[in-house]
Protein backbone atom coordinates (compact mmCIF):
# COMPACT_ATOMS: atom_id res chain seq x y z
CA MET A 1 0.04 -0.02 0.00
CA ARG A 2 2.73 2.47 0.85
CA GLN A 3 4.55 1.60 -2.43
CA GLU A 4 1.27 2.49 -4.32
CA TYR A 5 0.86 5.63 -2.46
CA LEU A 6 4.44 6.76 -3.32
CA VAL A 7 3.93 5.97 -6.88
CA GLU A 8 0.63 7.96 -7.01
CA LYS A 9 2.43 10.87 -5.11
CA TYR A 10 5.31 11.05 -7.48
CA THR A 11 2.93 10.72 -10.52
CA CYS A 12 0.93 13.65 -9.30
CA LYS A 13 4.08 15.71 -8.70
CA ILE A 14 5.32 14.86 -12.34
CA LYS A 15 1.86 15.81 -13.65
CA SER A 16 1.81 18.98 -11.63
CA LEU A 17 5.35 19.90 -12.98
CA PHE A 18 4.34 19.27 -16.59
CA ALA A 19 1.22 21.34 -16.06
CA HIS A 20 3.21 24.35 -14.62
CA LEU A 21 5.84 23.92 -17.60
CA GLN A 22 2.91 24.00 -20.07
CA ASP A 23 1.30 27.04 -18.48
CA ALA A 24 4.81 28.85 -18.43
CA LEU A 25 5.27 28.05 -22.23
CA LEU A 26 1.83 29.12 -23.17
CA ALA A 27 1.99 32.27 -21.05
CA ARG A 28 2.16 35.62 -22.70
CA LYS A 29 4.86 37.11 -20.57
CA GLY A 30 7.90 35.68 -18.80
CA VAL A 31 11.31 34.33 -19.78
CA VAL A 32 10.09 30.78 -20.12
CA ALA A 33 7.52 31.79 -22.87
CA TYR A 34 10.41 32.67 -25.04
CA ILE A 35 12.29 29.30 -24.73
CA PRO A 36 10.63 27.89 -27.78
CA ILE A 37 11.75 30.60 -30.23
CA ILE A 38 15.29 30.59 -28.48
CA VAL A 39 15.71 26.91 -29.22
CA VAL A 40 14.40 27.24 -32.75
CA THR A 41 16.81 30.22 -33.41
CA ILE A 42 19.68 28.16 -32.15
CA CYS A 43 18.68 25.13 -34.39
CA MET A 44 18.23 27.53 -37.41
CA PHE A 45 21.82 28.54 -36.94
CA CYS A 46 22.87 24.89 -36.98
CA GLY A 47 20.65 24.13 -39.88
CA THR A 48 22.11 27.01 -41.88
CA SER A 49 25.72 26.80 -40.86
CA TRP A 50 26.62 25.20 -43.98
CA LEU A 51 25.33 28.09 -46.03
CA ILE A 52 26.87 30.88 -44.02
CA PHE A 53 30.18 31.13 -45.91
CA TRP A 54 28.92 29.78 -49.22
CA SER A 55 29.35 32.46 -51.97
CA ALA A 56 26.48 31.13 -54.00
CA ALA A 57 23.83 31.49 -51.16
CA ASP A 58 21.21 34.07 -51.13
CA PRO A 59 22.77 36.34 -48.52
CA ALA A 60 25.90 36.45 -50.64
CA ARG A 61 23.76 37.82 -53.67
CA TYR A 62 22.25 40.22 -51.23
CA GLN A 63 25.73 41.55 -50.23
CA CYS A 64 26.50 42.06 -53.92
CA TYR A 65 23.28 43.90 -54.40
CA ALA A 66 24.00 46.19 -51.30
CA LEU A 67 27.61 46.85 -52.11
CA THR A 68 27.14 47.66 -55.85
CA PHE A 69 24.23 49.99 -55.04
CA TRP A 70 26.28 52.05 -52.67
CA LEU A 71 29.72 51.80 -54.23
CA GLY A 72 29.08 51.01 -57.85
CA SER A 73 30.24 48.09 -59.89
CA ASN A 74 33.78 48.47 -58.61
CA ALA A 75 32.58 46.97 -55.29
CA THR A 76 32.64 43.62 -56.66
CA ASN A 77 36.56 43.85 -56.35
CA LEU A 78 35.89 43.61 -52.49
CA LEU A 79 34.45 40.27 -52.72
CA PRO A 80 35.52 36.92 -54.09
CA VAL A 81 35.44 36.85 -58.02
CA ALA A 82 32.68 34.26 -58.46
CA GLN A 83 30.21 35.85 -55.77
CA CYS A 84 28.95 38.58 -58.04
CA GLN A 85 29.14 37.04 -61.53
CA PHE A 86 25.36 36.62 -61.58
CA LEU A 87 25.12 40.49 -62.06
CA ASN A 88 26.66 40.10 -65.58
CA ILE A 89 28.25 43.58 -65.44
CA SER A 90 29.31 44.64 -69.02
CA ALA A 91 30.28 48.26 -68.25
CA ALA A 92 31.23 50.29 -65.05
CA GLN A 93 28.42 51.55 -63.14
CA PRO A 94 28.32 54.60 -60.81
CA PRO A 95 27.13 54.52 -57.14
CA PHE A 96 23.34 54.51 -56.51
CA HIS A 97 22.42 53.19 -59.95
CA MET A 98 22.60 49.22 -59.72
CA LEU A 99 19.28 47.94 -58.05
CA PRO A 100 18.23 44.24 -57.48
CA ILE A 101 17.04 42.53 -60.50
CA GLU A 102 14.23 40.20 -59.03
CA TYR A 103 13.31 42.08 -55.85
CA PRO A 104 11.77 45.69 -55.26
CA PRO A 105 14.59 48.36 -54.74
CA LEU A 106 13.48 48.83 -51.10
CA THR A 107 15.10 45.46 -50.24
CA LEU A 108 18.38 47.26 -50.31
CA LEU A 109 17.41 48.58 -46.76
CA PRO A 110 17.58 45.07 -45.07
CA PHE A 111 20.43 44.06 -47.46
CA SER A 112 22.45 47.04 -46.40
CA LEU A 113 21.98 46.67 -42.59
CA ALA A 114 24.27 43.66 -42.61
CA LEU A 115 26.95 45.82 -44.13
CA LEU A 116 27.69 47.39 -40.74
CA VAL A 117 29.87 44.53 -39.82
CA PRO A 118 33.01 43.55 -41.68
CA LEU A 119 32.32 42.05 -44.95
CA ALA A 120 33.65 38.61 -44.09
CA TYR A 121 30.77 38.28 -41.48
CA TYR A 122 27.97 39.66 -43.70
CA GLN A 123 26.05 36.47 -43.78
CA TRP A 124 26.29 35.95 -40.01
CA ALA A 125 25.02 39.49 -39.55
CA PHE A 126 22.11 38.86 -42.00
CA ALA A 127 21.26 35.59 -40.10
CA LEU A 128 21.12 37.49 -36.92
CA LEU A 129 18.87 40.10 -38.49
CA MET A 130 16.34 37.49 -39.69
CA SER A 131 16.51 35.81 -36.15
CA PHE A 132 15.57 39.23 -34.70
CA VAL A 133 12.54 39.40 -37.02
CA SER A 134 11.51 35.89 -36.09
CA VAL A 135 11.54 36.87 -32.41
CA LEU A 136 9.56 39.95 -33.32
CA ILE A 137 6.77 37.86 -34.94
CA TYR A 138 6.86 35.61 -31.96
CA TRP A 139 6.37 38.56 -29.65
CA LEU A 140 3.53 39.79 -31.87
CA LEU A 141 1.75 36.40 -31.58
CA LEU A 142 2.35 36.22 -27.83
CA ARG A 143 0.77 39.84 -27.41
CA TYR A 144 -2.06 39.58 -30.07
CA GLY A 145 -2.54 35.99 -31.06
CA PRO A 146 -4.60 33.22 -29.50
CA ARG A 147 -3.31 31.11 -26.74
CA GLY A 148 -0.52 28.81 -28.14
CA ALA A 149 -0.07 30.66 -31.32
CA ALA A 150 3.50 31.78 -30.59
CA LEU A 151 4.57 28.30 -29.59
CA MET A 152 3.01 26.91 -32.81
CA PHE A 153 4.85 29.44 -34.89
CA ALA A 154 8.08 28.20 -33.37
CA VAL A 155 6.97 24.54 -34.19
CA TYR A 156 6.14 25.43 -37.84
CA MET A 157 9.29 27.41 -38.25
CA PHE A 158 11.25 24.33 -36.97
CA ILE A 159 9.72 21.81 -39.31
CA GLY A 160 9.21 24.06 -42.30
CA ALA A 161 11.81 26.67 -42.39
CA LEU A 162 14.67 25.46 -40.27
CA ALA A 163 17.44 25.83 -43.08
CA LEU A 164 15.69 28.71 -44.78
CA ALA A 165 14.48 31.49 -42.37
CA GLN A 166 17.98 32.99 -41.80
CA VAL A 167 19.19 33.10 -45.50
CA ARG A 168 16.05 34.74 -46.93
CA PHE A 169 14.42 37.91 -46.11
CA ASP A 170 10.79 36.70 -46.42
CA LEU A 171 10.22 36.91 -42.65
CA ILE A 172 10.25 40.63 -43.02
CA PRO A 173 7.20 40.93 -45.48
CA ALA A 174 5.78 38.10 -43.54
CA ALA A 175 5.86 40.21 -40.34
CA LEU A 176 4.44 43.13 -42.05
CA THR A 177 1.38 41.28 -43.43
CA LEU A 178 0.93 40.05 -39.92
CA LEU A 179 1.02 43.49 -38.63
CA CYS A 180 -1.37 44.64 -41.36
CA VAL A 181 -3.89 42.06 -40.32
CA ILE A 182 -3.53 42.74 -36.54
CA ALA A 183 -4.07 46.44 -37.15
CA ALA A 184 -7.03 45.89 -39.42
CA GLU A 185 -8.97 43.55 -37.02
CA ARG A 186 -8.55 46.27 -34.29
CA LYS A 187 -9.72 48.94 -36.80
CA HIS A 188 -6.48 50.79 -36.88
CA TRP A 189 -6.80 51.13 -40.70
CA THR A 190 -4.05 53.58 -41.47
CA SER A 191 -1.49 51.58 -39.71
CA ALA A 192 -2.71 48.50 -41.57
CA TYR A 193 -2.31 50.22 -44.84
CA VAL A 194 1.15 51.57 -43.93
CA ALA A 195 2.36 48.06 -42.96
CA LEU A 196 1.02 46.49 -46.18
CA ALA A 197 2.67 49.30 -48.24
CA PHE A 198 6.10 48.36 -46.95
CA GLY A 199 5.36 44.77 -47.35
CA VAL A 200 4.74 45.34 -50.99
CA LEU A 201 7.86 47.41 -51.25
CA LEU A 202 9.97 44.53 -50.04
CA LYS A 203 8.12 41.60 -51.67
CA ILE A 204 5.38 42.19 -54.26
CA TYR A 205 2.99 39.42 -53.05
CA PRO A 206 1.39 41.41 -50.20
CA ILE A 207 -0.37 43.42 -52.97
CA LEU A 208 -2.89 40.53 -53.03
CA LEU A 209 -4.21 41.81 -49.66
CA LEU A 210 -5.03 45.32 -50.78
CA PRO A 211 -8.58 44.60 -52.15
CA ALA A 212 -9.43 42.48 -49.14
CA LEU A 213 -8.16 45.10 -46.78
CA PHE A 214 -10.06 47.92 -48.68
CA MET A 215 -13.32 45.88 -48.48
CA ALA A 216 -12.79 45.09 -44.76
CA GLU A 217 -12.42 48.68 -44.01
CA GLN A 218 -15.57 49.68 -45.84
CA GLN A 219 -17.50 46.82 -44.28
CA ALA A 220 -16.30 47.90 -40.90
CA GLY A 221 -17.53 51.37 -41.44
CA GLY A 222 -20.90 50.30 -42.80
CA LYS A 223 -20.07 51.81 -46.32
CA LEU A 224 -20.19 48.62 -48.28
CA HIS A 225 -23.51 47.28 -49.45
CA MET A 226 -24.01 43.67 -48.08
CA PRO A 227 -26.05 41.40 -50.64
CA ALA A 228 -28.99 39.63 -49.49
CA LYS A 229 -29.04 36.13 -48.18
CA PRO A 230 -29.22 33.76 -49.99
CA LEU A 231 -27.76 35.56 -53.07
CA THR A 232 -28.79 33.86 -56.37
CA LEU A 233 -26.96 34.32 -59.57
CA LYS A 234 -30.00 36.21 -60.86
CA TRP A 235 -29.56 39.05 -58.43
CA VAL A 236 -25.76 39.26 -58.54
CA PRO A 237 -25.59 41.97 -61.19
CA TYR A 238 -28.12 44.17 -59.35
CA HIS A 239 -26.23 43.73 -55.90
CA PHE A 240 -22.91 44.34 -57.73
CA TRP A 241 -24.11 47.45 -59.33
CA TYR A 242 -25.79 48.68 -56.17
CA THR A 243 -22.38 48.24 -54.36
CA LEU A 244 -20.42 50.18 -56.90
CA LYS A 245 -22.96 53.08 -56.79
CA GLY A 246 -21.94 53.65 -53.12
CA ALA A 247 -18.23 54.19 -54.18
CA GLY A 248 -18.60 57.80 -53.57
CA ARG A 249 -19.26 57.09 -49.78
CA TRP A 250 -16.20 54.81 -49.45
CA ASN A 251 -13.33 55.84 -47.37
CA TRP A 252 -10.42 56.37 -49.89
CA LYS A 253 -7.95 58.11 -47.58
CA ASN A 254 -6.11 55.15 -46.38
CA CYS A 255 -5.82 53.52 -49.83
CA LEU A 256 -4.47 56.77 -51.25
CA ILE A 257 -1.83 56.73 -48.40
CA PHE A 258 -0.82 53.20 -49.49
CA LEU A 259 -0.56 54.24 -53.02
CA GLY A 260 1.38 57.27 -52.13
CA ILE A 261 3.92 55.29 -50.07
CA VAL A 262 4.28 52.64 -52.83
CA LEU A 263 4.56 55.13 -55.67
CA GLY A 264 6.66 57.53 -53.78
CA VAL A 265 9.40 55.06 -52.65
CA THR A 266 9.41 53.50 -56.14
CA GLY A 267 9.52 56.83 -57.93
CA VAL A 268 12.60 57.81 -55.92
CA PHE A 269 14.36 54.74 -57.12
CA ALA A 270 12.96 55.09 -60.58
CA LEU A 271 14.94 58.41 -60.80
CA LEU A 272 18.07 56.48 -60.18
CA ASN A 273 17.36 53.59 -62.62
CA PHE A 274 13.88 53.22 -63.95
CA GLN A 275 14.58 50.00 -65.73
CA GLU A 276 15.65 48.19 -62.71
CA ALA A 277 13.30 49.84 -60.31
CA VAL A 278 10.08 49.31 -62.34
CA ALA A 279 10.24 47.61 -65.59
CA SER A 280 12.52 44.73 -64.73
CA GLN A 281 10.24 43.74 -61.82
CA PHE A 282 7.30 43.06 -64.02
CA SER A 283 9.42 41.43 -67.08
CA TYR A 284 11.29 39.12 -64.49
CA PHE A 285 7.89 37.82 -63.09
CA MET A 286 6.15 37.63 -66.64
CA GLN A 287 8.91 35.95 -68.46
CA ARG A 288 9.88 33.55 -65.64
CA PRO A 289 9.23 29.79 -66.56
CA ILE A 290 7.48 27.18 -64.46
CA GLN A 291 9.72 26.33 -61.49
CA ILE A 292 10.70 22.83 -60.86
CA GLU A 293 8.91 22.53 -57.39
CA SER A 294 5.65 24.23 -58.56
CA THR A 295 2.28 22.70 -58.93
CA GLY A 296 2.43 23.34 -62.61
CA ASN A 297 5.68 21.32 -62.83
CA THR A 298 3.98 18.39 -61.31
CA LEU A 299 1.50 18.45 -64.36
CA LEU A 300 4.53 18.68 -66.73
CA TRP A 301 6.34 15.75 -65.04
CA LEU A 302 3.17 13.64 -65.19
CA ALA A 303 2.98 14.48 -68.90
CA THR A 304 6.42 12.76 -69.38
CA HIS A 305 4.79 9.49 -68.72
CA VAL A 306 2.88 9.83 -71.96
CA GLY A 307 5.98 10.80 -73.95
CA ILE A 308 6.02 14.53 -73.68
CA PRO A 309 9.51 15.85 -73.07
CA LEU A 310 10.66 17.89 -70.12
CA LYS A 311 14.01 19.75 -69.84
CA ILE A 312 15.26 21.22 -66.76
CA VAL A 313 17.44 24.52 -66.90
CA TYR A 314 18.82 26.94 -64.50
CA SER A 315 17.48 30.48 -65.01
CA TYR A 316 15.97 33.35 -63.27
CA GLY A 317 17.79 32.20 -60.03
CA SER A 318 15.97 28.86 -59.75
CA LEU A 319 15.57 25.45 -61.57
CA ASN A 320 12.80 25.71 -64.19
CA SER A 321 11.01 23.51 -66.49
CA ILE A 322 10.86 23.68 -70.31
CA SER A 323 8.09 21.65 -72.12
CA PRO A 324 5.70 21.89 -75.09
CA LEU A 325 3.03 22.18 -72.52
CA SER A 326 4.57 25.00 -70.60
CA ALA A 327 2.34 27.67 -72.08
CA ALA A 328 -0.86 25.89 -71.63
CA VAL A 329 -0.09 24.92 -67.97
CA SER A 330 0.84 28.46 -67.26
CA LEU A 331 -2.51 29.66 -68.78
CA VAL A 332 -4.38 27.14 -66.60
CA GLY A 333 -2.67 28.27 -63.51
CA THR A 334 -3.37 31.96 -64.31
CA LEU A 335 -7.03 31.18 -64.80
CA CYS A 336 -7.32 29.15 -61.57
CA PHE A 337 -5.60 32.02 -59.74
CA GLY A 338 -8.02 34.54 -61.03
CA LEU A 339 -10.94 32.51 -60.23
CA GLY A 340 -9.59 31.67 -56.73
CA CYS A 341 -9.08 35.33 -55.96
CA LEU A 342 -12.78 36.11 -57.31
CA TYR A 343 -14.18 33.45 -55.14
CA VAL A 344 -12.20 34.75 -52.09
CA PHE A 345 -13.55 38.38 -52.81
CA TRP A 346 -16.90 36.96 -53.26
CA GLN A 347 -16.90 35.14 -49.88
CA GLN A 348 -15.56 38.29 -48.23
CA TRP A 349 -18.24 40.52 -49.86
CA CYS A 350 -20.98 38.17 -48.42
CA ARG A 351 -19.19 38.31 -45.12
CA ARG A 352 -18.15 34.74 -44.94
CA PHE A 353 -14.46 35.55 -44.78
CA ASP A 354 -12.96 38.04 -42.32
CA ILE A 355 -9.83 39.93 -43.20
CA THR A 356 -7.50 37.18 -41.78
CA GLN A 357 -9.23 34.42 -43.47
CA ALA A 358 -9.20 36.46 -46.75
CA ALA A 359 -5.48 37.09 -46.44
CA ILE A 360 -4.69 33.47 -45.75
CA ALA A 361 -7.10 32.12 -48.50
CA LEU A 362 -5.33 34.58 -51.18
CA LEU A 363 -1.74 33.45 -50.29
CA PHE A 364 -2.80 29.88 -50.51
CA VAL A 365 -4.37 30.47 -54.10
CA PHE A 366 -1.29 32.29 -55.16
CA VAL A 367 1.21 29.66 -54.12
CA ALA A 368 -1.02 26.70 -55.31
CA THR A 369 -1.47 28.08 -58.82
CA GLY A 370 1.71 30.13 -59.33
CA LYS A 371 4.62 29.25 -61.62
CA VAL A 372 7.03 29.18 -58.69
CA PHE A 373 6.83 27.31 -55.38
CA SER A 374 10.01 28.11 -53.47
CA PRO A 375 10.53 26.65 -50.11
CA GLN A 376 10.43 30.03 -48.35
CA TYR A 377 6.99 30.70 -49.55
CA LEU A 378 5.71 28.63 -46.35
CA ILE A 379 7.10 31.44 -44.31
CA TRP A 380 4.43 33.85 -45.76
CA LEU A 381 1.71 31.87 -44.50
CA MET A 382 3.08 30.68 -41.05
CA PRO A 383 2.44 33.78 -38.93
CA LEU A 384 -1.15 34.26 -40.51
CA LEU A 385 -2.04 30.60 -39.99
CA VAL A 386 -1.18 30.56 -36.25
CA TYR A 387 -2.62 33.84 -35.67
CA ALA A 388 -5.93 32.36 -37.00
CA GLY A 389 -5.60 29.45 -34.86
CA ALA A 390 -4.50 26.88 -37.51
CA PHE A 391 -3.03 24.37 -35.22
CA ASP A 392 -5.64 21.73 -34.57
CA VAL A 393 -5.48 18.13 -35.70
CA PHE A 394 -6.19 18.98 -39.22
CA TRP A 395 -3.40 21.46 -39.50
CA LEU A 396 -0.79 19.61 -37.62
CA LEU A 397 -1.25 16.63 -39.80
CA PHE A 398 -1.59 18.25 -43.26
CA TRP A 399 0.52 21.36 -42.71
CA GLY A 400 3.08 19.51 -40.92
CA ALA A 401 3.26 17.10 -43.89
CA ILE A 402 3.80 19.88 -46.28
CA SER A 403 6.46 21.49 -44.14
CA LEU A 404 8.34 18.31 -43.41
CA LEU A 405 8.33 17.32 -47.18
CA THR A 406 9.46 20.96 -48.13
CA THR A 407 12.35 20.62 -45.55
CA PHE A 408 13.37 17.21 -46.76
CA ILE A 409 13.55 18.27 -50.31
CA TYR A 410 15.47 21.44 -49.57
CA ILE A 411 17.92 19.93 -47.11
CA PHE A 412 18.43 16.23 -48.20
CA MET A 413 17.68 16.05 -51.79
CA TYR A 414 19.40 19.19 -53.00
CA SER A 415 22.55 18.20 -50.98
CA HIS A 416 22.93 14.94 -53.02
CA VAL A 417 23.89 16.81 -56.20
CA LEU A 418 26.98 19.08 -56.92
CA ARG A 419 25.08 21.23 -59.51
CA PRO A 420 21.36 22.02 -58.86
CA GLU A 421 20.71 21.20 -62.56
CA LEU A 422 21.37 17.52 -61.68
CA ILE A 423 18.49 17.42 -59.16
CA GLN A 424 16.31 15.44 -61.45
CA SER A 425 18.60 12.58 -61.29
CA VAL A 426 17.89 12.17 -57.60
CA PRO A 427 15.58 9.30 -57.14
CA GLY A 428 12.33 10.36 -55.72
CA PHE A 429 12.54 14.07 -56.32
CA PHE A 430 9.64 14.60 -58.59
CA GLU A 431 7.61 12.15 -56.68
CA THR A 432 8.13 13.81 -53.37
CA ALA A 433 7.52 17.33 -54.77
CA SER A 434 4.31 15.99 -56.29
CA VAL A 435 3.00 14.57 -53.16
CA ARG A 436 3.80 17.91 -51.32
CA ASN A 437 2.09 19.91 -53.98
CA MET A 438 -1.01 17.60 -53.82
CA PHE A 439 -1.17 18.09 -50.16
CA PHE A 440 -0.79 21.85 -50.60
CA VAL A 441 -3.66 22.05 -53.28
CA PHE A 442 -5.85 19.85 -50.99
CA VAL A 443 -5.32 22.20 -48.02
CA THR A 444 -5.96 25.28 -50.28
CA LEU A 445 -9.20 23.64 -51.30
CA ALA A 446 -10.11 22.67 -47.73
CA TYR A 447 -9.56 26.42 -46.60
CA LEU A 448 -11.59 27.83 -49.46
CA PHE A 449 -14.55 25.63 -48.87
CA ASN A 450 -14.01 25.10 -45.08
CA TRP A 451 -13.67 21.39 -45.29
CA PHE A 452 -13.00 19.88 -41.68
CA GLN A 453 -13.80 23.37 -40.26
CA SER A 454 -10.25 24.37 -41.35
CA ARG A 455 -11.02 28.11 -41.28
CA ARG A 456 -12.21 28.06 -37.61
CA ARG A 457 -10.82 30.88 -35.57
CA ARG A 458 -9.69 30.88 -32.04
CA ARG A 459 -10.22 33.54 -29.43
CA LEU A 460 -7.86 36.56 -29.55
CA PRO A 461 -6.80 38.03 -26.23
CA SER A 462 -8.01 41.56 -26.93
CA LEU A 463 -11.11 41.00 -29.12
CA PRO A 464 -14.39 39.39 -28.18
CA MET A 465 -14.96 35.93 -29.71
CA LEU A 466 -14.93 36.21 -33.47
CA ARG A 467 -18.00 34.70 -35.30
CA GLU A 468 -17.29 31.49 -36.96
CA THR A 469 -17.73 31.71 -40.62
CA PRO A 470 -19.34 28.80 -42.36
C-alpha cells in the first residue's frame, strides 16, 4: 500500500510539474515563454551553418546588391570573384544606380543593414537580423494571437523553415502582413495600410491583400452594401451595381496613403534607374518559366509518362522546366488564380471571410496556382495561420506534412547533387515534390470551402469571440 501511495504521489508531482511547464510556455509574459523561439533560433543557426560562408547562397547575392548600389560596380572587387558574377556587369556603373533585378528596390534597406559588420561576416549578420525578425513575430503572436499561437509558430518554423529562415528575407514581409492583419482587426486602418505598403515594397506578393483590406475597411464602417442572403446568380448583377454606386461614400484616404507610399518610394528609385526599379520587376515575373517545385511542374512531370519531353534549366535564379505544354499549363494556372481570387473576394463581400481568412486564402491560391513554389513561400503563411488558430489536428497533420516534405526536399535532396541542374537525377525528387504539391492543393481547397472546419478561428486576447464563418 505504501509503495502504491508513493507511486501515486510522484505521479501527481510529475503531472503538476508538466502542467506548470505547459502554463509557463503558453503564458504571454515571462522568460520561459520565449524558450521555444530561442531553441528554434539556435537550431536555425545549426541548420544554416553550411550556407553561411557559401558564395552562392542568397545572402551572398544580397551582399552584392547592397555593395554595388552604394559603391558602384567596382565594389565587386571587394568580394570573391565568383560571388557577384550573376550580375553580368558589362560596363562600369556609378554608385546609386545598380538595383536588385528580381526584388523591389527597397530590399536594399535590409540588405544594407548587414553591411555594418566586416564584409567577411555579412552572412552571419544577416542571419542575426532574420533571427531578430522571427523573435519580433513571436512577440506579436504572444501579445495579439490566440493562446498557443507563438509556440506553434516556433514549431512550424522548426519543421518548415529550419534551413531557410535565416538565409532569406521573407520573414520581413511576413511580419508586415501579420502587422497589417492585426491592425485591421483592431480597426487601426491607417497602420494596416502603411504596414501593407512596406510589405509590398519589400516583396510584391502582399499586394494581393489590398482589395481584401479595402473591403474590410468599408464593411467595418458600414459603407459597403451587403448582398441579400441567400444571393442567387440572378440578383448578382443588381447587388454588384448597387455596391459600385456607393463608391462615393467609401473611405479612400487610407488607400491613397498606401498608393502614395508605394509610388513615392518606387519613384525615388526610378529616378536613379527606371529599368531596374520598375520595368525589370514586371518583366522578370512575366517571363519566368515554370519552376521545378511548382504545382504546374507536377503536371509537366506527369506528362512525361505519356511521352511529352521535359527539360530542366537553371535561369531566373532557380531551376525551371521547359516543355511543349509549358504555355498551356501557365495559362491554366493563371485562370485558376483569377477564379480563386474572385471566389475569395466574393466570400468576403458576402461576409463569410474576415480579413485574416481572406489574406490566408489569397496566399494559398497564389502559391498553389503560381509558376513558382520556392520553399520560403511557407514562411509567408506561417504567422497568419497560427494567428488564425490553425493548429488543430487537421493543420498539424496536413500542414506538418507539407512543411516536412519541403524541408526534406531542400535539405536532403538538393544536398545530393553538386550542381542544381542535376536534381532530376535524384531518385524520388519529382515524386516527393508532387506529393507535397497535392497536399498543398488539398489544403488550399479545404480552406476555401471550409472542409473539416479548417477556417475556424480561435479567441484572440484583446478581441471578443470572432464569429465562426461557415
